Amino acid sequence: MIYQDLKKEIRKVIVGQEEMVESIIIALLNESHLLIEGMPGLAKTTTVKTLSQIIGLDFKRVQFTPDLLPSDILGAQIYNPAKNEFFIRKGPIFTNLLLADEINRAPAKVQSALLEAMQERQVTIDKYSYRLDEPFLVMATQNPIEQEGTYNLPEAQLDRFMMKVKVGYNDFDEEFEIIKRAEEGFSNKTSEILTKEDIKKAKKDVESIFIDDELKRYILKIVFATREHKSLMFGSSPRGSIDLLKASKAKAYLEGKDFVTPKNILEIAKPVLRHRVILTYEARAKGEDADTILDEILTKVPIP
């Protein structure tokens, strides 16, 4: 099975971080974007890079900094004095897998440069539009907002990410394995076990996973509950409903099923919705967070 093959190969480099690895694969199977949040040193960048090597995807990494310009990502029109003409120098966004490292260290103007690419799979440089390669995914990492020198991402951009996964520290045994590998010298040797065609086929298999109408209504009830909750200023957009449907299908596929269960929806709901809800000022003052409110919603909405 594709998941087990990928997981086995990733394990040659990455220790633990099951949720992050699974979320990256779910995003890949849906050709969707993923936001990974966690403290530095938790293998966020290494995991994404390793995945690109295993599948043979064209991979580029951009380190986001406060002085980054939109043209540093998209590219620009350059004048060639020898030929007395302009040409387009394409930026790193022209790839299959773009790793936007520490995305929240760059200001909003740079974040907005990604919007067209993330939604339309194209970019506009000067007067011309250029299609991006397929597949095209943005895997973005960020440090927690309370860390110094970071910016809040615009809501419109956040909504383009299928999921936001929070990465925590490894447990004791996992970190023991990490320091053993460090002592022996980290190995980054992986094999290319899948192709773009394999991923395209798996994507079609995911799309064909059956989901009952009652479960589709269940997804909508969860999303509508976010719009009606007293602690939320704004609930999830319709894109959240669509992504929850897609992600639950991918979750079922990874479990070897050909149909979605309520458990699949419950397990994936928080990563899909946590970045799409905005808390009221009162809720923030009380110390509430998106995950706590979503837990409450998932407990109250009747399971079919």
C-alpha atoms as a PDB file:
ATOM      1  CA  MET A   1       0.000   0.000   0.000  1.00  0.00           C
ATOM      2  CA  ILE A   2       1.227   3.500  -0.874  1.00  0.00           C
ATOM      3  CA  TYR A   3       1.028   4.772   2.721  1.00  0.00           C
ATOM      4  CA  GLN A   4       3.057   1.940   4.199  1.00  0.00           C
ATOM      5  CA  ASP A   5       5.697   2.227   1.460  1.00  0.00           C
ATOM      6  CA  LEU A   6       6.048   5.972   1.988  1.00  0.00           C
ATOM      7  CA  LYS A   7       6.065   5.640   5.757  1.00  0.00           C
ATOM      8  CA  LYS A   8       8.737   2.947   5.715  1.00  0.00           C
ATOM      9  CA  GLU A   9      11.029   5.053   3.554  1.00  0.00           C
ATOM     10  CA  ILE A  10      10.440   8.237   5.571  1.00  0.00           C
ATOM     11  CA  ARG A  11      11.288   6.335   8.771  1.00  0.00           C
ATOM     12  CA  LYS A  12      14.856   5.932   7.473  1.00  0.00           C
ATOM     13  CA  VAL A  13      15.289   9.655   8.154  1.00  0.00           C
ATOM     14  CA  ILE A  14      12.486  10.793  10.482  1.00  0.00           C
ATOM     15  CA  VAL A  15      11.819   9.463  13.987  1.00  0.00           C
ATOM     16  CA  GLY A  16       8.256   9.699  15.325  1.00  0.00           C
ATOM     17  CA  GLN A  17       6.044  12.678  14.315  1.00  0.00           C
ATOM     18  CA  GLU A  18       3.284  10.346  13.087  1.00  0.00           C
ATOM     19  CA  GLU A  19       0.642  13.063  12.724  1.00  0.00           C
ATOM     20  CA  MET A  20       2.910  15.302  10.663  1.00  0.00           C
ATOM     21  CA  VAL A  21       3.946  12.485   8.329  1.00  0.00           C
ATOM     22  CA  GLU A  22       0.338  11.369   7.829  1.00  0.00           C
ATOM     23  CA  SER A  23      -0.857  14.938   7.248  1.00  0.00           C
ATOM     24  CA  ILE A  24       1.800  15.535   4.595  1.00  0.00           C
ATOM     25  CA  ILE A  25       0.731  12.376   2.768  1.00  0.00           C
ATOM     26  CA  ILE A  26      -2.966  13.338   2.993  1.00  0.00           C
ATOM     27  CA  ALA A  27      -2.152  16.761   1.516  1.00  0.00           C
ATOM     28  CA  LEU A  28      -0.118  15.102  -1.238  1.00  0.00           C
ATOM     29  CA  LEU A  29      -2.945  12.709  -2.143  1.00  0.00           C
ATOM     30  CA  ASN A  30      -5.294  15.676  -2.510  1.00  0.00           C
ATOM     31  CA  GLU A  31      -2.715  17.929  -4.182  1.00  0.00           C
ATOM     32  CA  SER A  32      -3.433  20.438  -1.440  1.00  0.00           C
ATOM     33  CA  HIS A  33      -1.362  22.795   0.668  1.00  0.00           C
ATOM     34  CA  LEU A  34      -0.277  22.146   4.238  1.00  0.00           C
ATOM     35  CA  LEU A  35       0.743  24.427   7.099  1.00  0.00           C
ATOM     36  CA  ILE A  36       3.018  22.887   9.745  1.00  0.00           C
ATOM     37  CA  GLU A  37       3.456  24.746  13.026  1.00  0.00           C
ATOM     38  CA  GLY A  38       6.010  23.905  15.651  1.00  0.00           C
ATOM     39  CA  MET A  39       9.153  24.978  17.448  1.00  0.00           C
ATOM     40  CA  PRO A  40      12.486  24.910  15.576  1.00  0.00           C
ATOM     41  CA  GLY A  41      14.346  21.593  15.404  1.00  0.00           C
ATOM     42  CA  LEU A  42      11.353  19.238  15.108  1.00  0.00           C
ATOM     43  CA  ALA A  43      12.197  17.916  11.600  1.00  0.00           C
ATOM     44  CA  LYS A  44       9.510  19.905   9.765  1.00  0.00           C
ATOM     45  CA  THR A  45      11.801  20.907   6.904  1.00  0.00           C
ATOM     46  CA  THR A  46      13.579  17.550   6.778  1.00  0.00           C
ATOM     47  CA  THR A  47      10.292  15.627   6.492  1.00  0.00           C
ATOM     48  CA  VAL A  48       9.056  17.640   3.509  1.00  0.00           C
ATOM     49  CA  LYS A  49      12.425  17.406   1.756  1.00  0.00           C
ATOM     50  CA  THR A  50      12.583  13.655   2.372  1.00  0.00           C
ATOM     51  CA  LEU A  51       9.114  13.162   0.854  1.00  0.00           C
ATOM     52  CA  SER A  52      10.120  15.005  -2.317  1.00  0.00           C
ATOM     53  CA  GLN A  53      13.117  12.704  -2.724  1.00  0.00           C
ATOM     54  CA  ILE A  54      11.045   9.547  -2.224  1.00  0.00           C
ATOM     55  CA  ILE A  55       8.528  10.526  -4.906  1.00  0.00           C
ATOM     56  CA  GLY A  56      10.968  12.186  -7.289  1.00  0.00           C
ATOM     57  CA  LEU A  57       9.210  15.547  -7.203  1.00  0.00           C
ATOM     58  CA  ASP A  58      10.955  18.748  -8.199  1.00  0.00           C
ATOM     59  CA  PHE A  59      11.623  20.462  -4.886  1.00  0.00           C
ATOM     60  CA  LYS A  60      12.551  24.020  -3.980  1.00  0.00           C
ATOM     61  CA  ARG A  61      12.918  25.710  -0.613  1.00  0.00           C
ATOM     62  CA  VAL A  62      12.465  29.385   0.205  1.00  0.00           C
ATOM     63  CA  GLN A  63      13.568  30.726   3.565  1.00  0.00           C
ATOM     64  CA  PHE A  64      11.079  33.464   4.435  1.00  0.00           C
ATOM     65  CA  THR A  65      12.651  36.561   5.990  1.00  0.00           C
ATOM     66  CA  PRO A  66      11.404  40.105   6.744  1.00  0.00           C
ATOM     67  CA  ASP A  67      13.246  41.513   3.708  1.00  0.00           C
ATOM     68  CA  LEU A  68      11.923  38.949   1.201  1.00  0.00           C
ATOM     69  CA  LEU A  69      10.251  40.409  -1.908  1.00  0.00           C
ATOM     70  CA  PRO A  70       7.402  38.906  -3.993  1.00  0.00           C
ATOM     71  CA  SER A  71       9.757  38.711  -6.986  1.00  0.00           C
ATOM     72  CA  ASP A  72      12.093  36.501  -4.929  1.00  0.00           C
ATOM     73  CA  ILE A  73       9.340  33.870  -5.011  1.00  0.00           C
ATOM     74  CA  LEU A  74       7.519  34.440  -8.302  1.00  0.00           C
ATOM     75  CA  GLY A  75      10.329  35.684 -10.526  1.00  0.00           C
ATOM     76  CA  ALA A  76      10.683  38.888 -12.482  1.00  0.00           C
ATOM     77  CA  GLN A  77      11.100  40.449 -15.900  1.00  0.00           C
ATOM     78  CA  ILE A  78      14.817  41.042 -16.552  1.00  0.00           C
ATOM     79  CA  TYR A  79      16.412  43.220 -19.210  1.00  0.00           C
ATOM     80  CA  ASN A  80      19.154  41.665 -21.349  1.00  0.00           C
ATOM     81  CA  PRO A  81      21.307  44.536 -22.700  1.00  0.00           C
ATOM     82  CA  ALA A  82      23.203  42.251 -25.112  1.00  0.00           C
ATOM     83  CA  LYS A  83      19.980  41.368 -26.954  1.00  0.00           C
ATOM     84  CA  ASN A  84      18.169  44.617 -26.084  1.00  0.00           C
ATOM     85  CA  GLU A  85      15.152  42.677 -24.854  1.00  0.00           C
ATOM     86  CA  PHE A  86      13.382  41.562 -21.706  1.00  0.00           C
ATOM     87  CA  PHE A  87      13.046  37.962 -20.552  1.00  0.00           C
ATOM     88  CA  ILE A  88      11.250  36.286 -17.658  1.00  0.00           C
ATOM     89  CA  ARG A  89      13.383  34.803 -14.917  1.00  0.00           C
ATOM     90  CA  LYS A  90      11.142  32.295 -13.196  1.00  0.00           C
ATOM     91  CA  GLY A  91      11.334  32.074  -9.422  1.00  0.00           C
ATOM     92  CA  PRO A  92      11.400  29.047  -7.099  1.00  0.00           C
ATOM     93  CA  ILE A  93       7.597  28.788  -7.152  1.00  0.00           C
ATOM     94  CA  PHE A  94       7.946  26.961 -10.491  1.00  0.00           C
ATOM     95  CA  THR A  95       8.307  23.535  -8.919  1.00  0.00           C
ATOM     96  CA  ASN A  96       6.204  20.585  -7.744  1.00  0.00           C
ATOM     97  CA  LEU A  97       6.797  20.956  -4.035  1.00  0.00           C
ATOM     98  CA  LEU A  98       7.554  24.384  -2.615  1.00  0.00           C
ATOM     99  CA  LEU A  99       8.763  24.445   0.958  1.00  0.00           C
ATOM    100  CA  ALA A 100       7.981  27.864   2.416  1.00  0.00           C
ATOM    101  CA  ASP A 101      10.183  27.702   5.481  1.00  0.00           C
ATOM    102  CA  GLU A 102       9.150  29.879   8.437  1.00  0.00           C
ATOM    103  CA  ILE A 103       6.445  31.464   6.298  1.00  0.00           C
ATOM    104  CA  ASN A 104       5.283  33.763   9.085  1.00  0.00           C
ATOM    105  CA  ARG A 105       8.624  35.588   9.233  1.00  0.00           C
ATOM    106  CA  ALA A 106       7.805  37.548   6.059  1.00  0.00           C
ATOM    107  CA  PRO A 107       5.278  40.446   5.979  1.00  0.00           C
ATOM    108  CA  ALA A 108       1.813  40.307   4.411  1.00  0.00           C
ATOM    109  CA  LYS A 109       2.898  41.621   0.991  1.00  0.00           C
ATOM    110  CA  VAL A 110       4.997  38.514   0.445  1.00  0.00           C
ATOM    111  CA  GLN A 111       2.259  36.212   1.778  1.00  0.00           C
ATOM    112  CA  SER A 112      -0.218  37.684  -0.716  1.00  0.00           C
ATOM    113  CA  ALA A 113       2.160  36.869  -3.568  1.00  0.00           C
ATOM    114  CA  LEU A 114       1.427  33.191  -2.926  1.00  0.00           C
ATOM    115  CA  LEU A 115      -2.366  33.487  -3.102  1.00  0.00           C
ATOM    116  CA  GLU A 116      -2.816  33.254  -6.856  1.00  0.00           C
ATOM    117  CA  ALA A 117      -0.369  30.371  -7.067  1.00  0.00           C
ATOM    118  CA  MET A 118      -2.003  28.434  -4.240  1.00  0.00           C
ATOM    119  CA  GLN A 119      -5.544  28.820  -5.572  1.00  0.00           C
ATOM    120  CA  GLU A 120      -5.216  29.096  -9.357  1.00  0.00           C
ATOM    121  CA  ARG A 121      -2.006  27.093  -9.864  1.00  0.00           C
ATOM    122  CA  GLN A 122      -0.653  29.970 -11.905  1.00  0.00           C
ATOM    123  CA  VAL A 123       1.366  33.145 -11.379  1.00  0.00           C
ATOM    124  CA  THR A 124       1.354  36.499 -13.113  1.00  0.00           C
ATOM    125  CA  ILE A 125       4.674  38.195 -13.860  1.00  0.00           C
ATOM    126  CA  ASP A 126       4.373  41.609 -15.478  1.00  0.00           C
ATOM    127  CA  LYS A 127       1.441  41.183 -17.913  1.00  0.00           C
ATOM    128  CA  TYR A 128       1.788  37.458 -18.494  1.00  0.00           C
ATOM    129  CA  SER A 129       0.323  34.469 -16.667  1.00  0.00           C
ATOM    130  CA  TYR A 130       2.210  31.195 -16.367  1.00  0.00           C
ATOM    131  CA  ARG A 131       0.803  27.801 -15.404  1.00  0.00           C
ATOM    132  CA  LEU A 132       2.597  25.946 -12.640  1.00  0.00           C
ATOM    133  CA  ASP A 133       3.743  22.355 -12.917  1.00  0.00           C
ATOM    134  CA  GLU A 134       1.510  19.493 -11.771  1.00  0.00           C
ATOM    135  CA  PRO A 135       1.360  18.505  -9.044  1.00  0.00           C
ATOM    136  CA  PHE A 136       1.964  21.797  -7.227  1.00  0.00           C
ATOM    137  CA  LEU A 137       1.892  21.930  -3.438  1.00  0.00           C
ATOM    138  CA  VAL A 138       2.971  24.479  -0.876  1.00  0.00           C
ATOM    139  CA  MET A 139       4.224  22.930   2.338  1.00  0.00           C
ATOM    140  CA  ALA A 140       4.745  25.811   4.742  1.00  0.00           C
ATOM    141  CA  THR A 141       6.363  25.708   8.153  1.00  0.00           C
ATOM    142  CA  GLN A 142       5.928  28.353  10.816  1.00  0.00           C
ATOM    143  CA  ASN A 143       6.976  29.039  14.364  1.00  0.00           C
ATOM    144  CA  PRO A 144       4.250  29.729  16.935  1.00  0.00           C
ATOM    145  CA  ILE A 145       2.862  33.252  16.655  1.00  0.00           C
ATOM    146  CA  GLU A 146       4.054  34.222  20.122  1.00  0.00           C
ATOM    147  CA  GLN A 147       7.670  33.812  19.014  1.00  0.00           C
ATOM    148  CA  GLU A 148       9.590  37.036  18.350  1.00  0.00           C
ATOM    149  CA  GLY A 149       9.738  38.348  14.785  1.00  0.00           C
ATOM    150  CA  THR A 150       6.682  36.577  13.388  1.00  0.00           C
ATOM    151  CA  TYR A 151       3.543  37.845  11.651  1.00  0.00           C
ATOM    152  CA  ASN A 152      -0.042  36.595  11.533  1.00  0.00           C
ATOM    153  CA  LEU A 153      -0.838  35.107   8.126  1.00  0.00           C
ATOM    154  CA  PRO A 154      -3.775  36.756   6.289  1.00  0.00           C
ATOM    155  CA  GLU A 155      -7.063  34.862   6.693  1.00  0.00           C
ATOM    156  CA  ALA A 156      -7.476  34.573   2.906  1.00  0.00           C
ATOM    157  CA  GLN A 157      -4.141  32.787   2.677  1.00  0.00           C
ATOM    158  CA  LEU A 158      -4.789  30.552   5.683  1.00  0.00           C
ATOM    159  CA  ASP A 159      -7.998  29.343   4.033  1.00  0.00           C
ATOM    160  CA  ARG A 160      -5.969  28.001   1.095  1.00  0.00           C
ATOM    161  CA  PHE A 161      -4.215  25.480   3.337  1.00  0.00           C
ATOM    162  CA  MET A 162      -6.113  22.202   3.542  1.00  0.00           C
ATOM    163  CA  MET A 163      -4.771  21.529   7.028  1.00  0.00           C
ATOM    164  CA  LYS A 164      -2.752  23.056   9.800  1.00  0.00           C
ATOM    165  CA  VAL A 165      -0.888  20.452  11.804  1.00  0.00           C
ATOM    166  CA  LYS A 166       0.775  21.226  15.126  1.00  0.00           C
ATOM    167  CA  VAL A 167       4.066  19.463  15.746  1.00  0.00           C
ATOM    168  CA  GLY A 168       5.148  18.741  19.290  1.00  0.00           C
ATOM    169  CA  TYR A 169       8.285  17.330  20.862  1.00  0.00           C
ATOM    170  CA  ASN A 170       9.180  13.655  20.457  1.00  0.00           C
ATOM    171  CA  ASP A 171       8.612  11.353  23.426  1.00  0.00           C
ATOM    172  CA  PHE A 172      11.508  10.020  25.505  1.00  0.00           C
ATOM    173  CA  ASP A 173      12.121   6.822  23.506  1.00  0.00           C
ATOM    174  CA  GLU A 174      11.922   8.651  20.170  1.00  0.00           C
ATOM    175  CA  GLU A 175      14.396  11.297  21.280  1.00  0.00           C
ATOM    176  CA  PHE A 176      16.697   8.560  22.579  1.00  0.00           C
ATOM    177  CA  GLU A 177      16.665   7.097  19.061  1.00  0.00           C
ATOM    178  CA  ILE A 178      17.376  10.566  17.618  1.00  0.00           C
ATOM    179  CA  ILE A 179      20.489  11.110  19.741  1.00  0.00           C
ATOM    180  CA  LYS A 180      21.699   7.589  18.869  1.00  0.00           C
ATOM    181  CA  ARG A 181      21.372   8.429  15.179  1.00  0.00           C
ATOM    182  CA  ALA A 182      23.134  11.743  15.777  1.00  0.00           C
ATOM    183  CA  GLU A 183      26.028   9.924  17.457  1.00  0.00           C
ATOM    184  CA  GLU A 184      26.311   7.495  14.550  1.00  0.00           C
ATOM    185  CA  GLY A 185      25.885  10.206  11.930  1.00  0.00           C
ATOM    186  CA  PHE A 186      22.477  10.977  10.475  1.00  0.00           C
ATOM    187  CA  SER A 187      21.634   9.054   7.323  1.00  0.00           C
ATOM    188  CA  ASN A 188      19.637  10.814   4.616  1.00  0.00           C
ATOM    189  CA  LYS A 189      19.729   7.905   2.190  1.00  0.00           C
ATOM    190  CA  THR A 190      16.307   7.206   0.733  1.00  0.00           C
ATOM    191  CA  SER A 191      15.128   5.520  -2.449  1.00  0.00           C
ATOM    192  CA  GLU A 192      12.746   6.922  -5.037  1.00  0.00           C
ATOM    193  CA  ILE A 193       9.936   4.404  -4.638  1.00  0.00           C
ATOM    194  CA  LEU A 194       7.051   6.284  -6.274  1.00  0.00           C
ATOM    195  CA  THR A 195       6.569   8.434  -9.350  1.00  0.00           C
ATOM    196  CA  LYS A 196       4.277  11.335 -10.213  1.00  0.00           C
ATOM    197  CA  GLU A 197       2.086   8.854 -12.076  1.00  0.00           C
ATOM    198  CA  ASP A 198       1.742   6.710  -8.949  1.00  0.00           C
ATOM    199  CA  ILE A 199       0.564   9.775  -7.017  1.00  0.00           C
ATOM    200  CA  LYS A 200      -1.924  10.702  -9.767  1.00  0.00           C
ATOM    201  CA  LYS A 201      -3.375   7.185  -9.651  1.00  0.00           C
ATOM    202  CA  ALA A 202      -3.591   7.266  -5.842  1.00  0.00           C
ATOM    203  CA  LYS A 203      -5.312  10.663  -6.052  1.00  0.00           C
ATOM    204  CA  LYS A 204      -8.002   9.175  -8.307  1.00  0.00           C
ATOM    205  CA  ASP A 205      -8.399   6.258  -5.893  1.00  0.00           C
ATOM    206  CA  VAL A 206      -8.940   8.718  -3.043  1.00  0.00           C
ATOM    207  CA  GLU A 207     -11.549  10.633  -5.042  1.00  0.00           C
ATOM    208  CA  SER A 208     -13.467   7.384  -5.641  1.00  0.00           C
ATOM    209  CA  ILE A 209     -13.755   6.590  -1.907  1.00  0.00           C
ATOM    210  CA  PHE A 210     -17.460   6.365  -0.976  1.00  0.00           C
ATOM    211  CA  ILE A 211     -18.975   8.716   1.596  1.00  0.00           C
ATOM    212  CA  ASP A 212     -22.621   8.417   2.585  1.00  0.00           C
ATOM    213  CA  ASP A 213     -24.904  11.471   2.345  1.00  0.00           C
ATOM    214  CA  GLU A 214     -25.470  11.294   6.102  1.00  0.00           C
ATOM    215  CA  LEU A 215     -21.754  11.749   6.659  1.00  0.00           C
ATOM    216  CA  LYS A 216     -21.720  14.679   4.230  1.00  0.00           C
ATOM    217  CA  ARG A 217     -24.469  16.254   6.350  1.00  0.00           C
ATOM    218  CA  TYR A 218     -22.417  15.459   9.453  1.00  0.00           C
ATOM    219  CA  ILE A 219     -19.491  17.413   7.988  1.00  0.00           C
ATOM    220  CA  LEU A 220     -21.789  20.359   7.292  1.00  0.00           C
ATOM    221  CA  LYS A 221     -23.236  20.250  10.804  1.00  0.00           C
ATOM    222  CA  ILE A 222     -19.729  20.490  12.241  1.00  0.00           C
ATOM    223  CA  VAL A 223     -18.838  23.416   9.973  1.00  0.00           C
ATOM    224  CA  PHE A 224     -22.138  25.216  10.640  1.00  0.00           C
ATOM    225  CA  ALA A 225     -21.568  24.775  14.376  1.00  0.00           C
ATOM    226  CA  THR A 226     -18.327  26.758  14.065  1.00  0.00           C
ATOM    227  CA  ARG A 227     -20.311  29.649  12.565  1.00  0.00           C
ATOM    228  CA  GLU A 228     -22.815  29.633  15.429  1.00  0.00           C
ATOM    229  CA  HIS A 229     -20.491  29.151  18.412  1.00  0.00           C
ATOM    230  CA  LYS A 230     -20.540  32.033  20.894  1.00  0.00           C
ATOM    231  CA  SER A 231     -16.759  32.001  21.307  1.00  0.00           C
ATOM    232  CA  LEU A 232     -16.079  32.310  17.588  1.00  0.00           C
ATOM    233  CA  MET A 233     -16.226  35.611  15.753  1.00  0.00           C
ATOM    234  CA  PHE A 234     -16.071  33.786  12.412  1.00  0.00           C
ATOM    235  CA  GLY A 235     -16.500  30.101  11.634  1.00  0.00           C
ATOM    236  CA  SER A 236     -15.126  27.993   8.825  1.00  0.00           C
ATOM    237  CA  SER A 237     -15.623  28.918   5.182  1.00  0.00           C
ATOM    238  CA  PRO A 238     -17.255  26.555   2.641  1.00  0.00           C
ATOM    239  CA  ARG A 239     -13.732  25.624   1.608  1.00  0.00           C
ATOM    240  CA  GLY A 240     -13.421  24.050   5.051  1.00  0.00           C
ATOM    241  CA  SER A 241     -16.407  21.790   4.303  1.00  0.00           C
ATOM    242  CA  ILE A 242     -14.862  20.707   1.001  1.00  0.00           C
ATOM    243  CA  ASP A 243     -11.436  20.067   2.524  1.00  0.00           C
ATOM    244  CA  LEU A 244     -12.919  18.098   5.419  1.00  0.00           C
ATOM    245  CA  LEU A 245     -14.686  15.876   2.885  1.00  0.00           C
ATOM    246  CA  LYS A 246     -11.495  15.376   0.862  1.00  0.00           C
ATOM    247  CA  ALA A 247      -9.277  14.818   3.888  1.00  0.00           C
ATOM    248  CA  SER A 248     -11.655  12.255   5.409  1.00  0.00           C
ATOM    249  CA  LYS A 249     -11.580  10.307   2.132  1.00  0.00           C
ATOM    250  CA  ALA A 250      -7.774  10.332   2.181  1.00  0.00           C
ATOM    251  CA  LYS A 251      -7.819   9.236   5.817  1.00  0.00           C
ATOM    252  CA  ALA A 252     -10.041   6.264   4.909  1.00  0.00           C
ATOM    253  CA  TYR A 253      -7.749   5.424   1.968  1.00  0.00           C
ATOM    254  CA  LEU A 254      -4.686   5.350   4.235  1.00  0.00           C
ATOM    255  CA  GLU A 255      -6.513   2.896   6.489  1.00  0.00           C
ATOM    256  CA  GLY A 256      -7.168   0.612   3.508  1.00  0.00           C
ATOM    257  CA  LYS A 257     -10.920   1.269   3.414  1.00  0.00           C
ATOM    258  CA  ASP A 258     -13.050   2.146   0.386  1.00  0.00           C
ATOM    259  CA  PHE A 259     -15.571   4.137   2.423  1.00  0.00           C
ATOM    260  CA  VAL A 260     -15.483   6.965   4.990  1.00  0.00           C
ATOM    261  CA  THR A 261     -16.484   6.381   8.606  1.00  0.00           C
ATOM    262  CA  PRO A 262     -17.446   8.978  11.265  1.00  0.00           C
ATOM    263  CA  LYS A 263     -14.124   8.176  12.978  1.00  0.00           C
ATOM    264  CA  ASN A 264     -12.234   9.358   9.893  1.00  0.00           C
ATOM    265  CA  ILE A 265     -14.032  12.707  10.032  1.00  0.00           C
ATOM    266  CA  LEU A 266     -13.515  13.119  13.780  1.00  0.00           C
ATOM    267  CA  GLU A 267      -9.784  12.377  13.530  1.00  0.00           C
ATOM    268  CA  ILE A 268      -9.149  14.900  10.757  1.00  0.00           C
ATOM    269  CA  ALA A 269     -11.583  17.684  11.729  1.00  0.00           C
ATOM    270  CA  LYS A 270      -9.277  19.737  13.960  1.00  0.00           C
ATOM    271  CA  PRO A 271      -6.333  19.922  11.510  1.00  0.00           C
ATOM    272  CA  VAL A 272      -8.746  20.962   8.730  1.00  0.00           C
ATOM    273  CA  LEU A 273     -10.673  23.575  10.735  1.00  0.00           C
ATOM    274  CA  ARG A 274      -8.371  25.004  13.429  1.00  0.00           C
ATOM    275  CA  HIS A 275      -6.870  27.689  11.167  1.00  0.00           C
ATOM    276  CA  ARG A 276     -10.229  28.643   9.669  1.00  0.00           C
ATOM    277  CA  VAL A 277     -11.956  29.883  12.821  1.00  0.00           C
ATOM    278  CA  ILE A 278     -11.406  33.248  14.511  1.00  0.00           C
ATOM    279  CA  LEU A 279     -11.996  33.571  18.241  1.00  0.00           C
ATOM    280  CA  THR A 280     -13.791  36.505  19.821  1.00  0.00           C
ATOM    281  CA  TYR A 281     -11.755  38.913  21.941  1.00  0.00           C
ATOM    282  CA  GLU A 282     -13.584  37.655  25.042  1.00  0.00           C
ATOM    283  CA  ALA A 283     -12.658  34.039  24.271  1.00  0.00           C
ATOM    284  CA  ARG A 284      -9.010  34.978  23.832  1.00  0.00           C
ATOM    285  CA  ALA A 285      -9.047  36.893  27.099  1.00  0.00           C
ATOM    286  CA  LYS A 286     -10.337  33.748  28.840  1.00  0.00           C
ATOM    287  CA  GLY A 287      -7.436  31.749  27.381  1.00  0.00           C
ATOM    288  CA  GLU A 288      -9.556  29.641  25.033  1.00  0.00           C
ATOM    289  CA  ASP A 289      -8.089  28.352  21.782  1.00  0.00           C
ATOM    290  CA  ALA A 290      -9.406  26.908  18.529  1.00  0.00           C
ATOM    291  CA  ASP A 291      -8.704  23.287  19.466  1.00  0.00           C
ATOM    292  CA  THR A 292     -10.633  23.526  22.739  1.00  0.00           C
ATOM    293  CA  ILE A 293     -13.669  24.980  20.984  1.00  0.00           C
ATOM    294  CA  LEU A 294     -13.507  22.415  18.188  1.00  0.00           C
ATOM    295  CA  ASP A 295     -13.318  19.608  20.760  1.00  0.00           C
ATOM    296  CA  GLU A 296     -16.503  20.999  22.308  1.00  0.00           C
ATOM    297  CA  ILE A 297     -18.233  21.155  18.917  1.00  0.00           C
ATOM    298  CA  LEU A 298     -17.189  17.625  17.973  1.00  0.00           C
ATOM    299  CA  THR A 299     -18.536  16.369  21.303  1.00  0.00           C
ATOM    300  CA  LYS A 300     -21.902  18.097  20.897  1.00  0.00           C
ATOM    301  CA  VAL A 301     -22.675  17.407  17.222  1.00  0.00           C
ATOM    302  CA  PRO A 302     -24.479  14.017  17.087  1.00  0.00           C
ATOM    303  CA  ILE A 303     -22.509  11.297  15.292  1.00  0.00           C
ATOM    304  CA  PRO A 304     -24.586   9.527  12.581  1.00  0.00           C
END
